[in-house]
Amino acid sequence: MYSEAYSAMVQGIEGRIIQAEADISDGLPCFMLVGYLASEVKEARERVRIALKNSGLRIPPKKITVNLSPAGIYKYGTGYDFVIAAAILAALGIVDKKHLASTILIGELSLDGSPKAVKGVLPMVYTAYEHGIKYVILPKQNTREAMFVKDVLIIGVESLNDIIDVLNSEEPSRFACQSTGQDMDIDDSLEGMGRELPGFEDICGQGMACRAAEVAVSGMHNLLMIGAPGTGKTMIARRIAGIMPKPRFDECMEISKVYSVAGLLDREKPVICYRPFRAPHHTITQTALSGGGRYPKPGEASLASGGVLFLDELPEFKRQVLEVLRQPLEDGYVNVSRLDGSCCYPAKFMLVAAMNPCRCGYFPDRRRCTCTPLQVKNYLGRISTPLLDRIDICAETVPVKPGELNTYVKGKRETSQEIRERVSVAHKIQYRRYRNEKFSFNSYLTPSNIGKYCELSAEARDYLGYILNGMSFSARAYHKIIKAGRTIADMEQSSRIEKPHIAEAICYRSINDKYWSAGRE
């Protein structure tokens, strides 16, 4: 007696179809699971056996073999219990086989036969949709997350006997949940986000830093803010997500996949409809930041994809931890390689970092700074030049005068909503320009694309050449200046990059030299 059933697993944030083959034959009674399995998958043998018994189903004393294929792929997780049980029941003739070829089964079983929710449902259901699978059977707790994918009938079950009833019915669609993916309240999410996030109207002074933040968000450029303690660096950073336009549907899907694999989706609101903001502590490890582990899962860099990764007190992070960001900042993804295979996680985040210029925080104000030149050099030297080269925009925050703190007048300061509207215009320009490319923002322009999309006026080109002759910029920094200039031109809805746009972009790079060159003296 032989049968086949289908499930899915997650590799990175993408799903993969898994086939469960069950064979029941004469021989010494045993129950074997094969197919390159992790320990928790092997333990499914006892979970399924006892769940079947406690659900009133008797397994005959036969030789039972279940193979999860492809056998060359390492399988981990607890989501295979449903498909193993269904394959065995179909081989015994308890379940009709006619619907198994068009059904994906995902879920973990308790010993009493009741299902338990599993992680990574969204990418697995999306894979079922891509392969033309008609039905997906999974625990009731996971149905809201699964329903985000349209054109797949989602069937939530509350017991092992429910699975039998669905598979033995003439029309399983009558058990399906009624609503589908795009009914989710994506369009309403921005208003909810606005109520939760503080606004730029709370910020006193710091006009240059606020302008730099707006430019950075308009082109999704990386931003570094440097200044004395208490000047508003963290305050500005925590408001940046509030001026980001809401993500598009495909971005919502990618962000939600990452959070689904990490097991961080809310059951009540199982879709991420806003730009993430992640702020890990400086004691974070390399694995927690980039992702990985024995059974790979996304790190903070991937959880921030599509949004902001905020690193406060940047020099306090271990150097080797910061260096793992160099490849994600350049390529937009994290590749985790293991002996059993590799996983690729998206990491298209906007890096926002804040730091003091020295240990005491007051360099180069020698009236207040108590650090020696060597101490300043060592403190700034914790940030490597290759990492600095990958930060497009650097802004300085200056101490706020007492008079500026007491001049709050309602309606006189720009709100996050007003800034977000301007940023949305710049994003729409970039969406149209790069509609035939694999990227959507200026920060992802490659050197070959810069010549295609970044037209400089003669005056801007001459000015850029004149400035670069007197400054020690790398080739990467040169391209970063042009990309920032392209964003500033987009904010002014200019098709060509003019001299003022380049001048502002150079200003954001020259702040690096002010501190790091001075720290080397």
Protein backbone atom coordinates (compact mmCIF):
# COMPACT_ATOMS: atom_id res chain seq x y z
CA MET A 1 0.00 0.00 0.00
CA TYR A 2 1.54 3.23 -1.20
CA SER A 3 0.48 6.88 -1.18
CA GLU A 4 1.81 10.39 -1.76
CA ALA A 5 1.01 13.69 -0.08
CA TYR A 6 2.58 17.13 -0.27
CA SER A 7 3.86 19.73 2.16
CA ALA A 8 6.30 22.65 1.98
CA MET A 9 9.43 23.90 3.73
CA VAL A 10 11.25 27.23 3.88
CA GLN A 11 14.71 27.94 2.49
CA GLY A 12 15.67 31.50 3.31
CA ILE A 13 12.34 33.25 2.81
CA GLU A 14 11.28 31.14 -0.16
CA GLY A 15 9.17 28.00 0.04
CA ARG A 16 9.87 24.60 -1.50
CA ILE A 17 7.45 21.77 -2.16
CA ILE A 18 8.15 18.57 -0.20
CA GLN A 19 6.70 15.19 -1.17
CA ALA A 20 5.83 12.64 1.52
CA GLU A 21 5.76 9.04 0.30
CA ALA A 22 4.26 6.42 2.59
CA ASP A 23 4.57 2.68 2.13
CA ILE A 24 2.90 0.08 4.36
CA SER A 25 3.98 -3.50 3.87
CA ASP A 26 4.31 -6.83 5.66
CA GLY A 27 7.30 -7.35 7.92
CA LEU A 28 8.45 -6.61 11.42
CA PRO A 29 6.24 -3.83 12.84
CA CYS A 30 8.13 -0.54 12.72
CA PHE A 31 7.69 3.10 11.78
CA MET A 32 10.62 4.67 9.91
CA LEU A 33 11.11 8.23 8.69
CA VAL A 34 13.80 8.85 6.08
CA GLY A 35 14.90 11.76 3.90
CA TYR A 36 17.83 13.70 5.48
CA LEU A 37 15.94 14.87 8.56
CA ALA A 38 16.71 17.02 11.58
CA SER A 39 16.02 15.61 15.02
CA GLU A 40 12.69 17.43 15.44
CA VAL A 41 11.46 15.95 12.14
CA LYS A 42 12.49 12.45 13.24
CA GLU A 43 10.52 12.98 16.44
CA ALA A 44 7.39 13.44 14.31
CA ARG A 45 7.21 9.65 14.21
CA GLU A 46 6.12 9.49 17.87
CA ARG A 47 3.95 12.63 17.66
CA VAL A 48 2.03 11.25 14.68
CA ARG A 49 1.72 7.72 16.06
CA ILE A 50 0.28 8.86 19.39
CA ALA A 51 -1.89 11.57 17.78
CA LEU A 52 -3.46 8.93 15.52
CA LYS A 53 -4.11 6.63 18.50
CA ASN A 54 -5.66 9.41 20.60
CA SER A 55 -7.84 10.44 17.66
CA GLY A 56 -9.45 6.98 17.61
CA LEU A 57 -7.43 5.65 14.65
CA ARG A 58 -5.62 2.33 14.81
CA ILE A 59 -2.34 1.72 12.98
CA PRO A 60 -1.95 -1.97 12.08
CA PRO A 61 1.24 -3.78 13.12
CA LYS A 62 2.94 -3.34 9.75
CA LYS A 63 6.23 -2.02 8.44
CA ILE A 64 5.58 1.70 7.81
CA THR A 65 8.13 3.75 5.87
CA VAL A 66 7.71 7.47 5.16
CA ASN A 67 10.15 9.27 2.88
CA LEU A 68 10.32 13.06 2.67
CA SER A 69 11.79 14.03 -0.68
CA PRO A 70 13.85 15.49 -2.25
CA ALA A 71 16.11 13.40 -0.03
CA GLY A 72 19.13 15.62 -0.70
CA ILE A 73 17.64 18.66 1.08
CA TYR A 74 18.04 18.96 4.83
CA LYS A 75 14.62 19.23 6.44
CA TYR A 76 14.05 20.87 9.79
CA GLY A 77 11.09 22.28 11.69
CA THR A 78 7.87 20.78 13.00
CA GLY A 79 5.51 21.46 10.11
CA TYR A 80 5.59 17.96 8.59
CA ASP A 81 3.26 16.19 11.05
CA PHE A 82 0.13 16.84 8.98
CA VAL A 83 1.57 15.48 5.74
CA ILE A 84 3.09 12.41 7.40
CA ALA A 85 -0.24 11.57 9.03
CA ALA A 86 -2.16 12.15 5.79
CA ALA A 87 0.21 9.98 3.75
CA ILE A 88 -0.10 7.11 6.24
CA LEU A 89 -3.90 7.40 6.40
CA ALA A 90 -4.10 7.44 2.60
CA ALA A 91 -1.92 4.32 2.39
CA LEU A 92 -4.24 2.61 4.88
CA GLY A 93 -7.28 3.60 2.83
CA ILE A 94 -8.76 5.76 5.59
CA VAL A 95 -8.29 8.93 3.53
CA ASP A 96 -9.25 9.29 -0.13
CA LYS A 97 -6.22 9.97 -2.35
CA LYS A 98 -8.02 12.00 -5.00
CA HIS A 99 -7.41 15.44 -3.41
CA LEU A 100 -3.87 14.87 -2.17
CA ALA A 101 -2.18 15.87 -5.43
CA SER A 102 -3.82 19.33 -5.29
CA THR A 103 -3.34 19.88 -1.55
CA ILE A 104 -0.50 21.12 0.64
CA LEU A 105 -0.58 20.09 4.30
CA ILE A 106 1.36 22.16 6.84
CA GLY A 107 1.19 21.79 10.61
CA GLU A 108 2.37 20.26 13.85
CA LEU A 109 0.32 17.79 15.89
CA SER A 110 -0.10 17.59 19.63
CA LEU A 111 -0.28 14.16 21.22
CA ASP A 112 -4.08 14.47 21.49
CA GLY A 113 -4.42 15.10 17.76
CA SER A 114 -4.97 18.86 17.96
CA PRO A 115 -2.85 21.10 15.68
CA LYS A 116 -0.27 23.66 16.71
CA ALA A 117 0.71 26.79 14.79
CA VAL A 118 3.99 26.76 12.87
CA LYS A 119 6.37 29.45 11.59
CA GLY A 120 6.97 30.41 7.97
CA VAL A 121 3.44 29.77 6.72
CA LEU A 122 3.32 32.79 4.39
CA PRO A 123 6.21 31.81 2.07
CA MET A 124 5.02 28.20 2.02
CA VAL A 125 1.49 29.18 1.01
CA TYR A 126 2.87 31.57 -1.60
CA THR A 127 4.90 28.67 -3.04
CA ALA A 128 1.71 26.61 -3.22
CA TYR A 129 0.13 29.44 -5.23
CA GLU A 130 3.14 29.56 -7.60
CA HIS A 131 2.86 25.79 -8.21
CA GLY A 132 -0.86 25.92 -8.92
CA ILE A 133 -1.88 24.10 -5.73
CA LYS A 134 -5.59 24.48 -5.06
CA TYR A 135 -5.90 23.78 -1.31
CA VAL A 136 -3.73 24.41 1.73
CA ILE A 137 -4.64 22.66 4.99
CA LEU A 138 -3.06 24.10 8.10
CA PRO A 139 -3.79 24.88 11.77
CA LYS A 140 -6.63 27.27 12.48
CA GLN A 141 -4.18 29.63 14.23
CA ASN A 142 -2.28 30.20 10.96
CA THR A 143 -5.23 30.92 8.69
CA ARG A 144 -5.16 34.73 8.90
CA GLU A 145 -1.53 34.78 7.85
CA ALA A 146 -2.12 32.29 5.02
CA MET A 147 -5.13 34.22 3.68
CA PHE A 148 -2.83 37.05 2.60
CA VAL A 149 -2.08 34.95 -0.50
CA LYS A 150 -4.91 35.13 -3.00
CA ASP A 151 -6.16 32.39 -5.36
CA VAL A 152 -5.40 29.58 -2.87
CA LEU A 153 -8.20 28.06 -0.78
CA ILE A 154 -7.11 28.07 2.86
CA ILE A 155 -8.59 25.41 5.13
CA GLY A 156 -8.01 25.77 8.86
CA VAL A 157 -8.44 22.64 10.98
CA GLU A 158 -8.77 22.10 14.73
CA SER A 159 -8.12 18.35 14.93
CA LEU A 160 -6.70 15.42 13.02
CA ASN A 161 -10.24 14.21 12.35
CA ASP A 162 -10.95 17.55 10.59
CA ILE A 163 -8.17 16.74 8.12
CA ILE A 164 -9.79 13.38 7.40
CA ASP A 165 -13.19 15.00 6.87
CA VAL A 166 -11.75 17.57 4.44
CA LEU A 167 -9.83 15.04 2.37
CA ASN A 168 -12.76 12.61 2.22
CA SER A 169 -15.30 15.24 1.16
CA GLU A 170 -16.40 15.55 -2.45
CA GLU A 171 -15.71 19.30 -2.45
CA PRO A 172 -13.08 20.48 0.07
CA SER A 173 -13.69 24.09 -0.95
CA ARG A 174 -16.76 24.20 1.30
CA PHE A 175 -14.38 24.07 4.30
CA ALA A 176 -12.29 26.98 3.03
CA CYS A 177 -12.04 30.35 4.77
CA GLN A 178 -13.99 32.98 2.89
CA SER A 179 -11.79 36.11 2.64
CA THR A 180 -8.64 36.34 0.46
CA GLY A 181 -5.34 38.14 0.55
CA GLN A 182 -5.85 41.66 -0.67
CA ASP A 183 -8.83 42.26 1.60
CA MET A 184 -6.27 43.03 4.32
CA ASP A 185 -6.23 46.58 5.58
CA ILE A 186 -2.98 47.58 3.83
CA ASP A 187 -4.30 50.99 2.81
CA ASP A 188 -5.27 51.80 6.38
CA SER A 189 -1.95 50.77 7.88
CA LEU A 190 -0.19 54.10 7.39
CA GLU A 191 -2.69 55.97 9.53
CA GLY A 192 -2.21 53.43 12.30
CA MET A 193 1.54 53.79 11.99
CA GLY A 194 1.28 57.57 12.19
CA ARG A 195 -0.54 57.35 15.52
CA GLU A 196 2.17 55.13 16.96
CA LEU A 197 5.29 56.97 15.76
CA PRO A 198 6.46 60.35 17.09
CA GLY A 199 6.67 63.18 14.56
CA PHE A 200 9.34 65.56 13.31
CA GLU A 201 7.33 68.46 14.72
CA ASP A 202 8.80 67.54 18.14
CA ILE A 203 12.36 68.36 17.02
CA CYS A 204 13.81 71.74 18.00
CA GLY A 205 16.45 73.19 15.70
CA GLN A 206 18.68 70.72 13.80
CA GLY A 207 17.49 71.96 10.42
CA MET A 208 20.50 70.49 8.61
CA ALA A 209 20.12 67.06 10.22
CA CYS A 210 16.39 67.00 9.46
CA ARG A 211 17.09 67.97 5.85
CA ALA A 212 19.73 65.20 5.62
CA ALA A 213 17.19 62.70 6.98
CA GLU A 214 14.65 63.76 4.35
CA VAL A 215 17.21 63.42 1.54
CA ALA A 216 18.29 60.02 2.87
CA VAL A 217 14.73 58.68 2.98
CA SER A 218 13.91 60.13 -0.46
CA GLY A 219 16.60 57.95 -2.05
CA MET A 220 16.86 55.26 0.67
CA HIS A 221 20.46 56.32 1.33
CA ASN A 222 22.41 55.29 4.42
CA LEU A 223 22.70 58.06 7.00
CA LEU A 224 25.22 58.78 9.77
CA MET A 225 24.53 61.46 12.37
CA ILE A 226 27.43 62.65 14.48
CA GLY A 227 27.39 65.19 17.29
CA ALA A 228 27.59 65.88 20.98
CA PRO A 229 25.37 64.00 23.48
CA GLY A 230 21.82 65.30 23.80
CA THR A 231 21.67 67.08 20.44
CA GLY A 232 18.81 64.98 19.05
CA LYS A 233 20.49 62.22 17.00
CA THR A 234 18.39 59.40 18.45
CA MET A 235 15.29 61.58 18.44
CA ILE A 236 15.62 62.19 14.69
CA ALA A 237 16.44 58.54 13.94
CA ARG A 238 13.34 57.24 15.73
CA ARG A 239 11.16 59.52 13.59
CA ILE A 240 12.60 58.51 10.22
CA ALA A 241 10.25 55.53 9.76
CA GLY A 242 7.34 57.98 10.11
CA ILE A 243 8.33 59.94 6.98
CA MET A 244 8.68 56.83 4.84
CA PRO A 245 5.80 56.21 2.40
CA LYS A 246 3.81 53.03 2.96
CA PRO A 247 5.29 49.95 1.25
CA ARG A 248 3.86 48.61 -1.97
CA PHE A 249 2.10 45.22 -2.08
CA ASP A 250 5.21 43.35 -3.23
CA GLU A 251 7.23 45.00 -0.46
CA CYS A 252 4.59 44.03 2.12
CA MET A 253 4.84 40.45 0.90
CA GLU A 254 8.64 40.34 1.19
CA ILE A 255 8.68 41.98 4.63
CA SER A 256 5.94 39.66 5.87
CA LYS A 257 7.79 36.59 4.59
CA VAL A 258 10.84 37.52 6.65
CA TYR A 259 8.77 38.03 9.80
CA SER A 260 6.83 34.83 9.14
CA VAL A 261 10.03 32.78 8.93
CA ALA A 262 11.28 34.46 12.13
CA GLY A 263 7.98 33.69 13.89
CA LEU A 264 7.32 37.37 14.66
CA LEU A 265 3.99 37.90 12.93
CA ASP A 266 1.04 38.97 15.08
CA ARG A 267 -1.84 36.50 14.81
CA GLU A 268 -4.37 39.34 14.86
CA LYS A 269 -2.51 41.38 12.22
CA PRO A 270 -0.42 38.76 10.45
CA VAL A 271 0.83 41.00 7.64
CA ILE A 272 3.50 43.71 7.95
CA CYS A 273 1.99 46.77 6.23
CA TYR A 274 4.51 49.35 7.43
CA ARG A 275 8.22 50.07 7.18
CA PRO A 276 10.10 48.15 9.90
CA PHE A 277 12.29 49.98 12.40
CA ARG A 278 14.87 47.85 14.16
CA ALA A 279 17.26 49.21 16.80
CA PRO A 280 19.50 46.41 18.15
CA HIS A 281 21.67 47.03 21.22
CA HIS A 282 25.40 47.47 20.69
CA THR A 283 26.08 44.13 22.43
CA ILE A 284 24.46 42.23 19.54
CA THR A 285 26.40 39.32 18.03
CA GLN A 286 27.34 38.82 14.38
CA THR A 287 24.82 36.01 13.96
CA ALA A 288 21.98 38.00 15.52
CA LEU A 289 22.72 40.94 13.22
CA SER A 290 23.27 39.17 9.92
CA GLY A 291 21.25 35.98 10.48
CA GLY A 292 22.22 32.33 10.64
CA GLY A 293 22.46 29.82 13.47
CA ARG A 294 22.32 26.03 13.42
CA TYR A 295 18.93 26.25 11.74
CA PRO A 296 19.30 29.54 9.82
CA LYS A 297 16.85 32.31 10.48
CA PRO A 298 16.80 36.04 9.61
CA GLY A 299 18.86 38.50 11.64
CA GLU A 300 18.23 42.16 12.42
CA ALA A 301 19.57 43.20 9.00
CA SER A 302 16.82 41.17 7.30
CA LEU A 303 14.11 42.09 9.81
CA ALA A 304 14.84 45.73 8.89
CA SER A 305 14.58 45.06 5.14
CA GLY A 306 12.32 47.62 3.51
CA GLY A 307 12.70 49.92 6.51
CA VAL A 308 15.31 51.27 8.93
CA LEU A 309 18.16 49.57 10.78
CA PHE A 310 19.20 52.02 13.50
CA LEU A 311 22.57 51.55 15.18
CA ASP A 312 22.86 53.94 18.11
CA GLU A 313 26.32 54.61 19.57
CA LEU A 314 27.93 53.12 16.46
CA PRO A 315 31.54 52.91 17.77
CA GLU A 316 30.36 50.83 20.73
CA PHE A 317 29.46 47.94 18.41
CA LYS A 318 32.20 45.35 18.04
CA ARG A 319 34.20 45.96 14.90
CA GLN A 320 33.69 42.44 13.52
CA VAL A 321 29.93 42.85 14.02
CA LEU A 322 29.87 46.06 11.96
CA GLU A 323 31.99 44.54 9.23
CA VAL A 324 29.35 41.90 8.46
CA LEU A 325 27.13 44.75 7.22
CA ARG A 326 29.47 45.63 4.37
CA GLN A 327 28.13 42.99 1.97
CA PRO A 328 24.41 43.56 2.77
CA LEU A 329 24.87 47.34 2.36
CA GLU A 330 26.37 46.76 -1.09
CA ASP A 331 24.19 43.90 -2.39
CA GLY A 332 20.89 44.19 -0.49
CA TYR A 333 20.84 40.60 0.77
CA VAL A 334 22.49 38.29 3.30
CA ASN A 335 23.74 34.89 2.18
CA VAL A 336 24.04 32.36 5.00
CA SER A 337 26.06 29.29 3.98
CA ARG A 338 26.05 26.06 5.93
CA LEU A 339 27.27 22.53 5.25
CA ASP A 340 23.68 21.46 4.57
CA GLY A 341 23.01 24.31 2.11
CA SER A 342 22.68 28.06 1.92
CA CYS A 343 19.88 30.55 2.60
CA CYS A 344 19.44 34.00 1.11
CA TYR A 345 17.60 36.67 3.12
CA PRO A 346 16.72 40.15 1.83
CA ALA A 347 18.53 43.04 3.53
CA LYS A 348 17.38 46.12 1.62
CA PHE A 349 17.39 48.30 4.70
CA MET A 350 18.26 51.94 5.15
CA LEU A 351 21.11 52.14 7.66
CA VAL A 352 20.77 55.00 10.14
CA ALA A 353 23.64 55.34 12.59
CA ALA A 354 24.33 57.80 15.39
CA MET A 355 27.56 58.42 17.25
CA ASN A 356 29.49 60.84 19.41
CA PRO A 357 32.72 62.23 17.89
CA CYS A 358 34.80 61.00 20.85
CA ARG A 359 34.44 59.14 24.12
CA CYS A 360 33.41 62.23 26.10
CA GLY A 361 31.30 63.40 23.17
CA TYR A 362 32.42 67.02 22.72
CA PHE A 363 35.21 66.89 20.13
CA PRO A 364 36.21 69.21 18.39
CA ASP A 365 35.11 71.71 21.06
CA ARG A 366 38.38 71.82 23.02
CA ARG A 367 36.80 73.90 25.76
CA ARG A 368 34.65 70.91 26.74
CA CYS A 369 36.42 67.89 25.23
CA THR A 370 38.71 66.10 27.67
CA CYS A 371 40.03 63.51 25.19
CA THR A 372 43.60 63.47 23.90
CA PRO A 373 44.19 63.39 20.12
CA LEU A 374 45.15 59.72 20.41
CA GLN A 375 41.92 58.90 22.25
CA VAL A 376 39.89 60.71 19.58
CA LYS A 377 41.76 58.86 16.84
CA ASN A 378 41.21 55.48 18.49
CA TYR A 379 37.51 56.16 19.10
CA LEU A 380 36.81 57.26 15.51
CA GLY A 381 39.02 54.44 14.25
CA ARG A 382 36.51 51.90 15.48
CA ILE A 383 34.57 52.69 12.30
CA SER A 384 36.47 51.33 9.32
CA THR A 385 36.93 53.36 6.15
CA PRO A 386 35.23 50.70 3.95
CA LEU A 387 32.12 50.93 6.15
CA LEU A 388 32.18 54.75 6.07
CA ASP A 389 32.42 54.62 2.29
CA ARG A 390 29.11 52.77 2.22
CA ILE A 391 27.32 55.57 4.10
CA ASP A 392 26.03 58.08 1.55
CA ILE A 393 25.07 60.94 3.84
CA CYS A 394 26.69 62.24 7.01
CA ALA A 395 24.98 64.97 9.05
CA GLU A 396 26.22 66.90 12.05
CA THR A 397 23.98 67.75 14.98
CA VAL A 398 24.87 70.86 16.96
CA PRO A 399 23.89 71.83 20.50
CA VAL A 400 20.47 73.46 20.63
CA LYS A 401 20.31 76.89 22.20
CA PRO A 402 17.99 77.28 25.20
CA GLY A 403 15.91 79.82 23.31
CA GLU A 404 15.12 77.27 20.58
CA LEU A 405 13.75 74.83 23.15
CA ASN A 406 11.15 77.32 24.33
CA THR A 407 9.85 78.51 20.97
CA TYR A 408 7.38 75.77 20.15
CA VAL A 409 4.45 77.22 18.24
CA LYS A 410 1.80 74.82 17.01
CA GLY A 411 1.65 74.70 13.23
CA LYS A 412 5.02 76.42 12.71
CA ARG A 413 7.13 73.27 12.50
CA GLU A 414 6.87 70.77 9.69
CA THR A 415 5.04 67.59 10.58
CA SER A 416 6.04 64.10 9.53
CA GLN A 417 2.97 64.02 7.27
CA GLU A 418 4.18 67.06 5.31
CA ILE A 419 7.66 65.64 4.90
CA ARG A 420 6.26 62.23 3.94
CA GLU A 421 4.23 63.80 1.12
CA ARG A 422 7.39 65.29 -0.39
CA VAL A 423 9.25 62.01 0.01
CA SER A 424 6.39 60.19 -1.74
CA VAL A 425 6.80 62.43 -4.78
CA ALA A 426 10.52 61.58 -4.99
CA HIS A 427 9.77 57.86 -4.60
CA LYS A 428 7.19 57.95 -7.41
CA ILE A 429 9.74 59.59 -9.72
CA GLN A 430 12.21 56.80 -8.96
CA TYR A 431 9.59 54.07 -9.39
CA ARG A 432 8.85 55.37 -12.89
CA ARG A 433 12.50 55.80 -13.81
CA TYR A 434 13.56 52.32 -12.68
CA ARG A 435 10.42 50.43 -13.71
CA ASN A 436 12.51 48.20 -16.01
CA GLU A 437 15.27 47.62 -13.46
CA LYS A 438 15.54 45.22 -10.53
CA PHE A 439 15.80 48.12 -8.05
CA SER A 440 13.57 51.09 -7.23
CA PHE A 441 15.74 53.69 -5.46
CA ASN A 442 18.76 55.84 -6.29
CA SER A 443 20.86 54.29 -3.55
CA TYR A 444 20.94 50.99 -5.48
CA LEU A 445 22.33 52.50 -8.69
CA THR A 446 25.34 50.58 -9.98
CA PRO A 447 28.33 52.36 -11.56
CA SER A 448 27.13 51.24 -15.00
CA ASN A 449 23.65 52.67 -14.37
CA ILE A 450 24.94 56.00 -13.05
CA GLY A 451 25.94 57.08 -16.55
CA LYS A 452 22.51 56.05 -17.83
CA TYR A 453 20.30 57.72 -15.23
CA CYS A 454 22.42 60.50 -13.69
CA GLU A 455 22.83 63.28 -16.23
CA LEU A 456 24.96 66.14 -14.86
CA SER A 457 24.89 69.65 -16.25
CA ALA A 458 28.24 70.98 -17.54
CA GLU A 459 28.46 73.33 -14.56
CA ALA A 460 27.77 70.50 -12.10
CA ARG A 461 30.37 68.25 -13.77
CA ASP A 462 33.05 70.94 -13.69
CA TYR A 463 32.28 71.76 -10.07
CA LEU A 464 32.42 68.10 -9.04
CA GLY A 465 35.76 67.64 -10.79
CA TYR A 466 37.18 70.77 -9.16
CA ILE A 467 36.12 69.67 -5.66
CA LEU A 468 37.35 66.10 -6.07
CA ASN A 469 40.80 67.28 -7.14
CA GLY A 470 41.26 68.79 -3.68
CA MET A 471 39.71 65.98 -1.63
CA SER A 472 40.73 62.35 -1.12
CA PHE A 473 37.49 60.63 -2.10
CA SER A 474 37.44 56.99 -3.19
CA ALA A 475 35.71 55.84 -6.36
CA ARG A 476 32.84 54.52 -4.24
CA ALA A 477 32.50 57.91 -2.50
CA TYR A 478 32.44 59.61 -5.92
CA HIS A 479 29.51 57.44 -6.99
CA LYS A 480 27.76 58.04 -3.67
CA ILE A 481 27.94 61.80 -4.24
CA ILE A 482 26.36 61.48 -7.67
CA LYS A 483 23.61 59.21 -6.34
CA ALA A 484 22.82 61.64 -3.51
CA GLY A 485 22.81 64.46 -6.06
CA ARG A 486 20.33 62.48 -8.16
CA THR A 487 18.03 62.20 -5.15
CA ILE A 488 18.24 65.91 -4.34
CA ALA A 489 17.40 66.65 -8.00
CA ASP A 490 14.40 64.30 -7.76
CA MET A 491 13.20 66.16 -4.66
CA GLU A 492 13.16 69.32 -6.76
CA GLN A 493 11.66 67.38 -9.71
CA SER A 494 14.63 68.20 -11.91
CA SER A 495 15.50 65.77 -14.69
CA ARG A 496 19.14 66.86 -14.64
CA ILE A 497 21.59 67.11 -11.73
CA GLU A 498 22.63 70.75 -11.31
CA LYS A 499 25.49 72.38 -9.41
CA PRO A 500 23.45 73.12 -6.21
CA HIS A 501 22.44 69.45 -6.03
CA ILE A 502 26.06 68.31 -6.26
CA ALA A 503 27.17 70.98 -3.78
CA GLU A 504 24.68 69.73 -1.18
CA ALA A 505 25.69 66.10 -1.77
CA ILE A 506 29.38 66.96 -1.33
CA CYS A 507 28.53 68.78 1.90
CA TYR A 508 27.11 65.54 3.30
CA ARG A 509 30.36 63.72 2.47
CA SER A 510 32.74 66.43 3.66
CA ILE A 511 31.55 66.11 7.28
CA ASN A 512 33.32 62.74 7.35
CA ASP A 513 36.62 64.45 6.56
CA LYS A 514 36.01 67.07 9.24
CA TYR A 515 36.07 64.46 11.98
CA TRP A 516 38.15 61.57 10.65
CA SER A 517 40.88 63.81 9.18
CA ALA A 518 41.02 65.83 12.40
CA GLY A 519 41.12 62.63 14.43
CA ARG A 520 44.20 61.48 12.49
CA GLU A 521 46.14 64.66 13.21
